[in-house]
Amino acid sequence: MPAPVDHDEKRREIAAIAADLIAERGLEAATIRHIAARAGFSTTVVTHYFANKRALLRAAYRHAAESTQHRFDALAGSELSDPLARLEILLPIDEDGRRAWRVYFQFWPMADHDPELAEEQRWWSANAVGLAREALKIAYPHVDDIDRRATMAVSALQGIAIQSLFDPDNWPAERQREFWRANARLIMGDSAIR
């Protein structure tokens, strides 16, 4: 008797493969045929789990965002972790981060014309601000106006990420971290050198 199939896990697996293809070669590469071939499935298996390509692409975007969230949560779960370092996970400082940002960049133009994808992107953006708020409250417990400062922090992180993806030789991980820390100090009104 064959083992039971975990359908949620299968959907996640397919979404991860789609995200990988998007990160490697762009949205055009994420065809149902290419995804099925990469997974070793028939196209019927892919279409069984996703009604259409649009649903599959949204799942790939969500997979990239959830992967980043899991990485943040893993650091946040450690009492020893530096709160500002938690936010570095939102940068493309390693291959997982670069992969996620390549996926995000592919979807941003689509979100301009797709209300559902725009809503999803707004939710994840608000979530990033929430992560920043949480980390900044720990790092700077006596600073007021934390919501505005968290929004500014996410804007700074996004700017650093954009620069580093388009100019990786000039924006290695250490420079990204350095600029993030400098921006955090400016945003939080902290002139101390760290």
N, C-alpha and C. Protein backbone atom coordinates (compact mmCIF):
# COMPACT_ATOMS: atom_id res chain seq x y z
N MET A 1 0.84 -1.17 0.00
CA MET A 1 0.00 0.00 0.00
C MET A 1 0.90 1.25 0.00
N PRO A 2 0.66 2.19 -0.93
CA PRO A 2 1.50 3.39 -0.99
C PRO A 2 1.29 4.28 0.24
N ALA A 3 2.36 4.99 0.59
CA ALA A 3 2.29 5.91 1.73
C ALA A 3 1.34 7.06 1.41
N PRO A 4 0.62 7.56 2.40
CA PRO A 4 -0.29 8.69 2.15
C PRO A 4 0.50 9.94 1.75
N VAL A 5 -0.10 10.73 0.89
CA VAL A 5 0.54 11.95 0.40
C VAL A 5 0.13 13.12 1.30
N ASP A 6 1.11 13.88 1.74
CA ASP A 6 0.86 15.11 2.49
C ASP A 6 0.66 16.21 1.45
N HIS A 7 -0.59 16.57 1.21
CA HIS A 7 -0.91 17.52 0.13
C HIS A 7 -0.38 18.92 0.41
N ASP A 8 -0.40 19.34 1.66
CA ASP A 8 0.15 20.66 1.98
C ASP A 8 1.64 20.69 1.71
N GLU A 9 2.32 19.63 2.10
CA GLU A 9 3.77 19.55 1.86
C GLU A 9 4.06 19.53 0.36
N LYS A 10 3.26 18.83 -0.41
CA LYS A 10 3.44 18.77 -1.87
C LYS A 10 3.26 20.17 -2.48
N ARG A 11 2.25 20.92 -2.01
CA ARG A 11 2.06 22.30 -2.50
C ARG A 11 3.28 23.16 -2.16
N ARG A 12 3.79 23.02 -0.93
CA ARG A 12 4.97 23.79 -0.54
C ARG A 12 6.18 23.42 -1.40
N GLU A 13 6.33 22.15 -1.68
CA GLU A 13 7.44 21.68 -2.51
C GLU A 13 7.36 22.29 -3.91
N ILE A 14 6.19 22.27 -4.49
CA ILE A 14 6.01 22.84 -5.83
C ILE A 14 6.24 24.35 -5.81
N ALA A 15 5.73 25.03 -4.79
CA ALA A 15 5.93 26.48 -4.68
C ALA A 15 7.41 26.80 -4.53
N ALA A 16 8.15 26.00 -3.76
CA ALA A 16 9.59 26.22 -3.58
C ALA A 16 10.33 26.05 -4.90
N ILE A 17 9.96 25.06 -5.67
CA ILE A 17 10.59 24.85 -6.98
C ILE A 17 10.30 26.02 -7.90
N ALA A 18 9.05 26.49 -7.89
CA ALA A 18 8.70 27.65 -8.71
C ALA A 18 9.51 28.87 -8.28
N ALA A 19 9.65 29.08 -6.97
CA ALA A 19 10.44 30.21 -6.47
C ALA A 19 11.90 30.09 -6.91
N ASP A 20 12.45 28.89 -6.87
CA ASP A 20 13.82 28.69 -7.33
C ASP A 20 13.98 29.05 -8.80
N LEU A 21 13.05 28.59 -9.62
CA LEU A 21 13.12 28.91 -11.05
C LEU A 21 13.01 30.41 -11.29
N ILE A 22 12.12 31.07 -10.57
CA ILE A 22 11.95 32.51 -10.70
C ILE A 22 13.23 33.23 -10.29
N ALA A 23 13.82 32.81 -9.18
CA ALA A 23 15.06 33.43 -8.71
C ALA A 23 16.20 33.22 -9.69
N GLU A 24 16.24 32.07 -10.32
CA GLU A 24 17.32 31.73 -11.25
C GLU A 24 17.17 32.40 -12.60
N ARG A 25 15.92 32.41 -13.14
CA ARG A 25 15.75 32.82 -14.54
C ARG A 25 14.58 33.75 -14.80
N GLY A 26 13.89 34.20 -13.77
CA GLY A 26 12.79 35.13 -13.96
C GLY A 26 11.44 34.44 -14.07
N LEU A 27 10.39 35.26 -14.09
CA LEU A 27 9.02 34.73 -14.12
C LEU A 27 8.74 33.85 -15.33
N GLU A 28 9.33 34.19 -16.45
CA GLU A 28 9.07 33.42 -17.68
C GLU A 28 9.50 31.97 -17.55
N ALA A 29 10.48 31.70 -16.70
CA ALA A 29 10.98 30.34 -16.53
C ALA A 29 10.03 29.48 -15.70
N ALA A 30 9.14 30.10 -14.97
CA ALA A 30 8.26 29.36 -14.06
C ALA A 30 7.00 28.89 -14.78
N THR A 31 7.20 28.10 -15.82
CA THR A 31 6.06 27.49 -16.50
C THR A 31 5.69 26.20 -15.79
N ILE A 32 4.48 25.79 -15.95
CA ILE A 32 4.05 24.53 -15.33
C ILE A 32 4.91 23.38 -15.84
N ARG A 33 5.25 23.41 -17.11
CA ARG A 33 6.09 22.36 -17.69
C ARG A 33 7.48 22.33 -17.05
N HIS A 34 8.11 23.52 -16.91
CA HIS A 34 9.44 23.57 -16.30
C HIS A 34 9.42 23.17 -14.83
N ILE A 35 8.40 23.60 -14.12
CA ILE A 35 8.28 23.25 -12.70
C ILE A 35 8.10 21.75 -12.54
N ALA A 36 7.24 21.17 -13.36
CA ALA A 36 7.02 19.72 -13.30
C ALA A 36 8.31 18.96 -13.61
N ALA A 37 9.04 19.42 -14.63
CA ALA A 37 10.29 18.75 -15.00
C ALA A 37 11.30 18.83 -13.86
N ARG A 38 11.42 20.00 -13.25
CA ARG A 38 12.38 20.17 -12.15
C ARG A 38 12.01 19.27 -10.97
N ALA A 39 10.71 19.12 -10.72
CA ALA A 39 10.24 18.31 -9.59
C ALA A 39 10.24 16.82 -9.89
N GLY A 40 10.31 16.48 -11.16
CA GLY A 40 10.21 15.07 -11.54
C GLY A 40 8.78 14.58 -11.56
N PHE A 41 7.84 15.50 -11.74
CA PHE A 41 6.42 15.17 -11.80
C PHE A 41 5.91 15.33 -13.22
N SER A 42 4.70 14.86 -13.43
CA SER A 42 4.01 15.20 -14.67
C SER A 42 3.36 16.57 -14.47
N THR A 43 3.01 17.23 -15.55
CA THR A 43 2.31 18.51 -15.44
C THR A 43 0.96 18.33 -14.75
N THR A 44 0.38 17.15 -14.86
CA THR A 44 -0.90 16.87 -14.21
C THR A 44 -0.80 16.99 -12.69
N VAL A 45 0.34 16.57 -12.14
CA VAL A 45 0.53 16.68 -10.69
C VAL A 45 0.53 18.14 -10.28
N VAL A 46 1.24 18.98 -11.03
CA VAL A 46 1.31 20.40 -10.71
C VAL A 46 -0.07 21.03 -10.81
N THR A 47 -0.79 20.75 -11.88
CA THR A 47 -2.12 21.36 -12.06
C THR A 47 -3.14 20.79 -11.08
N HIS A 48 -2.86 19.64 -10.51
CA HIS A 48 -3.74 19.10 -9.48
C HIS A 48 -3.69 19.99 -8.23
N TYR A 49 -2.51 20.54 -7.92
CA TYR A 49 -2.34 21.34 -6.72
C TYR A 49 -2.59 22.83 -6.92
N PHE A 50 -2.48 23.29 -8.15
CA PHE A 50 -2.69 24.71 -8.44
C PHE A 50 -3.61 24.84 -9.65
N ALA A 51 -4.68 25.59 -9.45
CA ALA A 51 -5.70 25.71 -10.49
C ALA A 51 -5.17 26.34 -11.76
N ASN A 52 -4.21 27.26 -11.62
CA ASN A 52 -3.65 27.92 -12.80
C ASN A 52 -2.27 28.47 -12.45
N LYS A 53 -1.61 29.01 -13.47
CA LYS A 53 -0.25 29.50 -13.27
C LYS A 53 -0.24 30.68 -12.29
N ARG A 54 -1.26 31.51 -12.33
CA ARG A 54 -1.32 32.67 -11.44
C ARG A 54 -1.32 32.22 -9.97
N ALA A 55 -2.10 31.20 -9.65
CA ALA A 55 -2.13 30.67 -8.28
C ALA A 55 -0.76 30.11 -7.89
N LEU A 56 -0.12 29.46 -8.82
CA LEU A 56 1.21 28.90 -8.57
C LEU A 56 2.24 30.01 -8.34
N LEU A 57 2.17 31.08 -9.12
CA LEU A 57 3.10 32.19 -8.95
C LEU A 57 2.90 32.88 -7.61
N ARG A 58 1.66 33.06 -7.21
CA ARG A 58 1.39 33.67 -5.90
C ARG A 58 1.94 32.78 -4.78
N ALA A 59 1.82 31.48 -4.95
CA ALA A 59 2.36 30.55 -3.94
C ALA A 59 3.89 30.65 -3.89
N ALA A 60 4.53 30.86 -5.03
CA ALA A 60 5.98 31.02 -5.06
C ALA A 60 6.40 32.29 -4.33
N TYR A 61 5.67 33.37 -4.56
CA TYR A 61 5.96 34.63 -3.86
C TYR A 61 5.80 34.44 -2.35
N ARG A 62 4.71 33.82 -1.96
CA ARG A 62 4.44 33.59 -0.54
C ARG A 62 5.53 32.70 0.06
N HIS A 63 5.97 31.70 -0.69
CA HIS A 63 7.03 30.81 -0.19
C HIS A 63 8.30 31.60 0.12
N ALA A 64 8.68 32.51 -0.78
CA ALA A 64 9.89 33.31 -0.55
C ALA A 64 9.73 34.17 0.71
N ALA A 65 8.56 34.79 0.85
CA ALA A 65 8.32 35.65 2.02
C ALA A 65 8.27 34.83 3.31
N GLU A 66 7.63 33.68 3.27
CA GLU A 66 7.55 32.84 4.47
C GLU A 66 8.92 32.30 4.86
N SER A 67 9.75 32.00 3.88
CA SER A 67 11.11 31.53 4.18
C SER A 67 11.89 32.59 4.94
N THR A 68 11.76 33.85 4.52
CA THR A 68 12.42 34.94 5.22
C THR A 68 11.86 35.08 6.63
N GLN A 69 10.55 34.96 6.76
CA GLN A 69 9.91 35.04 8.08
C GLN A 69 10.45 33.95 9.01
N HIS A 70 10.60 32.74 8.50
CA HIS A 70 11.11 31.64 9.32
C HIS A 70 12.55 31.91 9.78
N ARG A 71 13.34 32.50 8.91
CA ARG A 71 14.72 32.82 9.28
C ARG A 71 14.74 33.88 10.38
N PHE A 72 13.88 34.89 10.26
CA PHE A 72 13.79 35.93 11.29
C PHE A 72 13.35 35.29 12.61
N ASP A 73 12.31 34.46 12.55
CA ASP A 73 11.79 33.83 13.76
C ASP A 73 12.85 32.97 14.46
N ALA A 74 13.68 32.30 13.67
CA ALA A 74 14.72 31.46 14.27
C ALA A 74 15.70 32.31 15.06
N LEU A 75 16.08 33.46 14.51
CA LEU A 75 16.97 34.36 15.24
C LEU A 75 16.28 34.99 16.44
N ALA A 76 15.03 35.40 16.25
CA ALA A 76 14.29 36.05 17.33
C ALA A 76 14.07 35.09 18.50
N GLY A 77 14.04 33.80 18.23
CA GLY A 77 13.83 32.81 19.27
C GLY A 77 15.02 32.64 20.19
N SER A 78 16.16 33.16 19.77
CA SER A 78 17.37 33.06 20.58
C SER A 78 17.49 34.31 21.45
N GLU A 79 17.54 34.13 22.74
CA GLU A 79 17.65 35.26 23.67
C GLU A 79 18.97 35.99 23.50
N LEU A 80 19.95 35.31 22.92
CA LEU A 80 21.27 35.91 22.77
C LEU A 80 21.39 36.72 21.49
N SER A 81 20.40 36.62 20.60
CA SER A 81 20.56 37.30 19.32
C SER A 81 20.42 38.81 19.45
N ASP A 82 21.21 39.50 18.67
CA ASP A 82 21.19 40.96 18.60
C ASP A 82 19.94 41.36 17.81
N PRO A 83 19.10 42.23 18.36
CA PRO A 83 17.86 42.60 17.67
C PRO A 83 18.09 43.22 16.29
N LEU A 84 19.16 44.00 16.14
CA LEU A 84 19.43 44.59 14.83
C LEU A 84 19.91 43.54 13.84
N ALA A 85 20.61 42.52 14.32
CA ALA A 85 21.04 41.43 13.44
C ALA A 85 19.85 40.64 12.93
N ARG A 86 18.79 40.57 13.71
CA ARG A 86 17.58 39.89 13.25
C ARG A 86 17.08 40.54 11.96
N LEU A 87 17.15 41.86 11.92
CA LEU A 87 16.66 42.57 10.74
C LEU A 87 17.59 42.42 9.54
N GLU A 88 18.85 42.08 9.80
CA GLU A 88 19.77 41.80 8.68
C GLU A 88 19.29 40.63 7.85
N ILE A 89 18.50 39.75 8.45
CA ILE A 89 17.95 38.61 7.71
C ILE A 89 17.07 39.09 6.55
N LEU A 90 16.55 40.33 6.67
CA LEU A 90 15.73 40.88 5.60
C LEU A 90 16.57 41.37 4.42
N LEU A 91 17.89 41.33 4.54
CA LEU A 91 18.80 41.74 3.47
C LEU A 91 19.30 40.53 2.68
N PRO A 92 19.75 40.75 1.46
CA PRO A 92 20.33 39.64 0.68
C PRO A 92 21.79 39.39 1.04
N ILE A 93 22.03 39.04 2.30
CA ILE A 93 23.40 38.85 2.79
C ILE A 93 23.93 37.44 2.57
N ASP A 94 23.07 36.54 2.16
CA ASP A 94 23.49 35.17 1.87
C ASP A 94 22.63 34.65 0.72
N GLU A 95 22.87 33.43 0.32
CA GLU A 95 22.16 32.91 -0.85
C GLU A 95 20.66 32.84 -0.64
N ASP A 96 20.21 32.47 0.57
CA ASP A 96 18.77 32.45 0.84
C ASP A 96 18.16 33.84 0.70
N GLY A 97 18.83 34.83 1.22
CA GLY A 97 18.35 36.21 1.11
C GLY A 97 18.34 36.70 -0.32
N ARG A 98 19.40 36.40 -1.07
CA ARG A 98 19.45 36.82 -2.49
C ARG A 98 18.34 36.15 -3.28
N ARG A 99 18.10 34.88 -3.00
CA ARG A 99 17.03 34.15 -3.69
C ARG A 99 15.69 34.81 -3.43
N ALA A 100 15.41 35.12 -2.17
CA ALA A 100 14.12 35.75 -1.83
C ALA A 100 13.98 37.10 -2.54
N TRP A 101 15.03 37.92 -2.52
CA TRP A 101 14.94 39.24 -3.16
C TRP A 101 14.78 39.14 -4.67
N ARG A 102 15.41 38.15 -5.28
CA ARG A 102 15.21 37.97 -6.74
C ARG A 102 13.75 37.65 -7.05
N VAL A 103 13.14 36.87 -6.19
CA VAL A 103 11.71 36.56 -6.36
C VAL A 103 10.88 37.82 -6.16
N TYR A 104 11.13 38.56 -5.08
CA TYR A 104 10.36 39.78 -4.82
C TYR A 104 10.42 40.73 -6.02
N PHE A 105 11.63 40.95 -6.55
CA PHE A 105 11.78 41.89 -7.66
C PHE A 105 10.98 41.48 -8.88
N GLN A 106 10.87 40.20 -9.10
CA GLN A 106 10.09 39.73 -10.26
C GLN A 106 8.61 40.05 -10.10
N PHE A 107 8.13 40.07 -8.87
CA PHE A 107 6.71 40.25 -8.63
C PHE A 107 6.28 41.70 -8.47
N TRP A 108 7.19 42.58 -8.11
CA TRP A 108 6.79 43.96 -7.86
C TRP A 108 6.10 44.60 -9.07
N PRO A 109 6.61 44.45 -10.31
CA PRO A 109 5.88 45.04 -11.44
C PRO A 109 4.49 44.43 -11.64
N MET A 110 4.37 43.15 -11.35
CA MET A 110 3.06 42.50 -11.47
C MET A 110 2.07 43.07 -10.46
N ALA A 111 2.54 43.37 -9.26
CA ALA A 111 1.66 43.87 -8.21
C ALA A 111 1.08 45.23 -8.58
N ASP A 112 1.75 45.94 -9.46
CA ASP A 112 1.24 47.24 -9.90
C ASP A 112 -0.06 47.10 -10.69
N HIS A 113 -0.28 45.91 -11.29
CA HIS A 113 -1.46 45.70 -12.13
C HIS A 113 -2.37 44.58 -11.64
N ASP A 114 -2.01 43.97 -10.54
CA ASP A 114 -2.75 42.82 -10.03
C ASP A 114 -3.17 43.12 -8.59
N PRO A 115 -4.45 43.46 -8.38
CA PRO A 115 -4.89 43.85 -7.04
C PRO A 115 -4.66 42.79 -5.96
N GLU A 116 -4.83 41.51 -6.31
CA GLU A 116 -4.61 40.46 -5.31
C GLU A 116 -3.14 40.36 -4.92
N LEU A 117 -2.27 40.43 -5.91
CA LEU A 117 -0.85 40.37 -5.62
C LEU A 117 -0.40 41.64 -4.89
N ALA A 118 -0.98 42.77 -5.25
CA ALA A 118 -0.67 44.02 -4.54
C ALA A 118 -1.08 43.91 -3.08
N GLU A 119 -2.22 43.32 -2.82
CA GLU A 119 -2.67 43.14 -1.44
C GLU A 119 -1.72 42.23 -0.67
N GLU A 120 -1.29 41.15 -1.32
CA GLU A 120 -0.34 40.24 -0.70
C GLU A 120 0.97 40.97 -0.39
N GLN A 121 1.45 41.75 -1.35
CA GLN A 121 2.69 42.49 -1.15
C GLN A 121 2.53 43.50 -0.02
N ARG A 122 1.40 44.19 0.06
CA ARG A 122 1.16 45.14 1.15
C ARG A 122 1.17 44.43 2.50
N TRP A 123 0.58 43.23 2.55
CA TRP A 123 0.55 42.48 3.80
C TRP A 123 1.97 42.14 4.25
N TRP A 124 2.79 41.65 3.32
CA TRP A 124 4.16 41.27 3.68
C TRP A 124 4.99 42.50 4.03
N SER A 125 4.73 43.61 3.38
CA SER A 125 5.43 44.84 3.71
C SER A 125 5.07 45.29 5.13
N ALA A 126 3.78 45.25 5.46
CA ALA A 126 3.34 45.59 6.81
C ALA A 126 3.94 44.61 7.82
N ASN A 127 4.05 43.36 7.44
CA ASN A 127 4.66 42.36 8.31
C ASN A 127 6.13 42.72 8.58
N ALA A 128 6.84 43.15 7.55
CA ALA A 128 8.25 43.55 7.72
C ALA A 128 8.35 44.72 8.69
N VAL A 129 7.42 45.67 8.58
CA VAL A 129 7.41 46.80 9.52
C VAL A 129 7.17 46.28 10.94
N GLY A 130 6.30 45.30 11.08
CA GLY A 130 6.06 44.70 12.40
C GLY A 130 7.31 44.03 12.95
N LEU A 131 8.06 43.33 12.09
CA LEU A 131 9.31 42.71 12.54
C LEU A 131 10.30 43.79 12.98
N ALA A 132 10.37 44.87 12.19
CA ALA A 132 11.27 45.97 12.55
C ALA A 132 10.86 46.60 13.87
N ARG A 133 9.55 46.80 14.05
CA ARG A 133 9.05 47.39 15.29
C ARG A 133 9.48 46.53 16.48
N GLU A 134 9.29 45.23 16.35
CA GLU A 134 9.62 44.28 17.43
C GLU A 134 11.11 44.35 17.78
N ALA A 135 11.96 44.33 16.76
CA ALA A 135 13.41 44.34 17.00
C ALA A 135 13.88 45.69 17.53
N LEU A 136 13.35 46.77 16.98
CA LEU A 136 13.79 48.10 17.41
C LEU A 136 13.35 48.42 18.84
N LYS A 137 12.19 47.91 19.24
CA LYS A 137 11.75 48.11 20.63
C LYS A 137 12.72 47.46 21.61
N ILE A 138 13.28 46.33 21.22
CA ILE A 138 14.24 45.65 22.08
C ILE A 138 15.58 46.39 22.08
N ALA A 139 16.03 46.81 20.90
CA ALA A 139 17.32 47.48 20.80
C ALA A 139 17.29 48.89 21.39
N TYR A 140 16.14 49.56 21.27
CA TYR A 140 16.01 50.95 21.73
C TYR A 140 14.71 51.06 22.55
N PRO A 141 14.70 50.54 23.76
CA PRO A 141 13.44 50.47 24.52
C PRO A 141 12.86 51.83 24.92
N HIS A 142 13.64 52.89 24.91
CA HIS A 142 13.14 54.18 25.40
C HIS A 142 12.84 55.18 24.29
N VAL A 143 12.86 54.73 23.05
CA VAL A 143 12.61 55.64 21.92
C VAL A 143 11.12 55.67 21.62
N ASP A 144 10.60 56.87 21.35
CA ASP A 144 9.18 57.00 21.02
C ASP A 144 8.98 56.94 19.50
N ASP A 145 7.75 57.02 19.07
CA ASP A 145 7.37 57.03 17.65
C ASP A 145 7.93 55.80 16.92
N ILE A 146 7.83 54.66 17.55
CA ILE A 146 8.46 53.45 17.04
C ILE A 146 7.84 52.99 15.71
N ASP A 147 6.54 53.24 15.50
CA ASP A 147 5.91 52.82 14.24
C ASP A 147 6.53 53.54 13.04
N ARG A 148 6.69 54.84 13.16
CA ARG A 148 7.29 55.61 12.06
C ARG A 148 8.74 55.18 11.85
N ARG A 149 9.45 54.98 12.93
CA ARG A 149 10.86 54.58 12.82
C ARG A 149 10.99 53.17 12.22
N ALA A 150 10.07 52.29 12.54
CA ALA A 150 10.10 50.94 11.96
C ALA A 150 9.85 51.01 10.45
N THR A 151 8.95 51.87 10.03
CA THR A 151 8.69 52.04 8.59
C THR A 151 9.93 52.59 7.89
N MET A 152 10.59 53.54 8.53
CA MET A 152 11.83 54.09 7.97
C MET A 152 12.90 53.00 7.89
N ALA A 153 12.96 52.15 8.89
CA ALA A 153 13.96 51.07 8.90
C ALA A 153 13.73 50.11 7.74
N VAL A 154 12.48 49.75 7.50
CA VAL A 154 12.18 48.84 6.39
C VAL A 154 12.54 49.51 5.06
N SER A 155 12.26 50.80 4.93
CA SER A 155 12.63 51.52 3.71
C SER A 155 14.15 51.49 3.52
N ALA A 156 14.90 51.67 4.59
CA ALA A 156 16.36 51.61 4.50
C ALA A 156 16.83 50.22 4.11
N LEU A 157 16.25 49.20 4.71
CA LEU A 157 16.62 47.82 4.37
C LEU A 157 16.32 47.53 2.91
N GLN A 158 15.17 47.98 2.42
CA GLN A 158 14.82 47.75 1.01
C GLN A 158 15.81 48.46 0.09
N GLY A 159 16.19 49.68 0.43
CA GLY A 159 17.15 50.41 -0.40
C GLY A 159 18.50 49.71 -0.46
N ILE A 160 18.96 49.22 0.67
CA ILE A 160 20.23 48.49 0.71
C ILE A 160 20.11 47.21 -0.12
N ALA A 161 18.98 46.52 0.01
CA ALA A 161 18.77 45.28 -0.74
C ALA A 161 18.80 45.53 -2.24
N ILE A 162 18.15 46.59 -2.68
CA ILE A 162 18.12 46.91 -4.11
C ILE A 162 19.54 47.17 -4.61
N GLN A 163 20.29 47.99 -3.90
CA GLN A 163 21.67 48.28 -4.30
C GLN A 163 22.50 47.01 -4.38
N SER A 164 22.35 46.15 -3.38
CA SER A 164 23.21 44.97 -3.32
C SER A 164 22.86 43.94 -4.38
N LEU A 165 21.61 43.86 -4.77
CA LEU A 165 21.26 42.91 -5.82
C LEU A 165 21.74 43.36 -7.18
N PHE A 166 21.68 44.66 -7.44
CA PHE A 166 22.09 45.15 -8.75
C PHE A 166 23.59 45.42 -8.83
N ASP A 167 24.26 45.49 -7.70
CA ASP A 167 25.70 45.76 -7.68
C ASP A 167 26.36 44.91 -6.58
N PRO A 168 26.29 43.59 -6.72
CA PRO A 168 26.75 42.71 -5.63
C PRO A 168 28.23 42.85 -5.31
N ASP A 169 29.06 43.17 -6.30
CA ASP A 169 30.49 43.29 -6.02
C ASP A 169 30.79 44.44 -5.06
N ASN A 170 30.01 45.52 -5.16
CA ASN A 170 30.21 46.67 -4.29
C ASN A 170 29.37 46.61 -3.02
N TRP A 171 28.49 45.62 -2.92
CA TRP A 171 27.63 45.52 -1.73
C TRP A 171 27.68 44.11 -1.14
N PRO A 172 28.87 43.67 -0.70
CA PRO A 172 28.94 42.36 -0.04
C PRO A 172 28.19 42.42 1.29
N ALA A 173 28.02 41.28 1.89
CA ALA A 173 27.25 41.17 3.14
C ALA A 173 27.74 42.14 4.21
N GLU A 174 29.06 42.25 4.37
CA GLU A 174 29.59 43.12 5.43
C GLU A 174 29.22 44.58 5.20
N ARG A 175 29.26 45.02 3.94
CA ARG A 175 28.88 46.42 3.65
C ARG A 175 27.38 46.62 3.89
N GLN A 176 26.58 45.64 3.53
CA GLN A 176 25.15 45.74 3.79
C GLN A 176 24.89 45.90 5.29
N ARG A 177 25.56 45.07 6.06
CA ARG A 177 25.39 45.15 7.52
C ARG A 177 25.85 46.51 8.05
N GLU A 178 26.98 46.99 7.56
CA GLU A 178 27.51 48.27 8.00
C GLU A 178 26.52 49.41 7.70
N PHE A 179 25.98 49.42 6.49
CA PHE A 179 25.03 50.47 6.12
C PHE A 179 23.72 50.33 6.88
N TRP A 180 23.30 49.10 7.13
CA TRP A 180 22.08 48.91 7.91
C TRP A 180 22.27 49.48 9.31
N ARG A 181 23.39 49.16 9.95
CA ARG A 181 23.65 49.66 11.31
C ARG A 181 23.71 51.19 11.33
N ALA A 182 24.37 51.77 10.33
CA ALA A 182 24.45 53.23 10.26
C ALA A 182 23.06 53.84 10.09
N ASN A 183 22.24 53.24 9.23
CA ASN A 183 20.87 53.73 9.04
C ASN A 183 20.06 53.57 10.31
N ALA A 184 20.21 52.45 11.00
CA ALA A 184 19.47 52.23 12.24
C ALA A 184 19.81 53.30 13.26
N ARG A 185 21.10 53.64 13.37
CA ARG A 185 21.49 54.68 14.31
C ARG A 185 20.87 56.02 13.95
N LEU A 186 20.87 56.35 12.67
CA LEU A 186 20.27 57.62 12.24
C LEU A 186 18.76 57.64 12.50
N ILE A 187 18.11 56.55 12.16
CA ILE A 187 16.66 56.46 12.32
C ILE A 187 16.26 56.54 13.79
N MET A 188 17.05 55.91 14.63
CA MET A 188 16.71 55.84 16.04
C MET A 188 17.29 57.02 16.84
N GLY A 189 18.04 57.90 16.16
CA GLY A 189 18.58 59.07 16.87
C GLY A 189 19.71 58.70 17.80
N ASP A 190 20.45 57.67 17.46
CA ASP A 190 21.55 57.17 18.30
C ASP A 190 22.86 57.52 17.63
N SER A 191 23.61 58.42 18.22
CA SER A 191 24.87 58.83 17.61
C SER A 191 26.05 57.98 18.06
N ALA A 192 25.78 57.02 18.93
CA ALA A 192 26.87 56.16 19.43
C ALA A 192 27.42 55.30 18.31
N ILE A 193 28.72 55.13 18.28
CA ILE A 193 29.37 54.27 17.28
C ILE A 193 29.30 52.84 17.78
N ARG A 194 28.81 51.95 16.91
CA ARG A 194 28.71 50.53 17.27
C ARG A 194 29.30 49.68 16.18
